[in-house]
Amino acid sequence: MNDLFIHLGGDVIIRSKDIITILNRDAQELSSVTNLFLKAEEKRKAKKVISADYIKSIVVTNDEIYYSPVSSLTLNRRAQGRSLIEQSLDKEEDIDL
């Protein structure tokens, strides 16, 4: 199956299957549990700030944490769109078999 990608802003594009979670930037400040999770992940993974001027979302992947200028709502829509495409491709592969 083909890899599907999501644009996080700037020149950063990642594979959709690598995404663990997409968080609103405010979630880090509002939730102590989320804040603890992110601190633990930052110790284990590389951190990449896509735009230091404005951070709207945090994307945690298998290997990195991205601080993105694109809203979490937009990124979630992109990820859902990719999921629908993946499901469609899976169905096509099943039919081809």
Foldseek 3Di string as FASTA:
>chain_A
DDFDWFDQDDPDIDTLVFWPDKAFPVCCVPDPVVVVVVVVLVVQAAEEERDPVAFGMWTDGPHYIYGGNDHSVVRVVVSVVVVVVVVVVVVVVVVVD
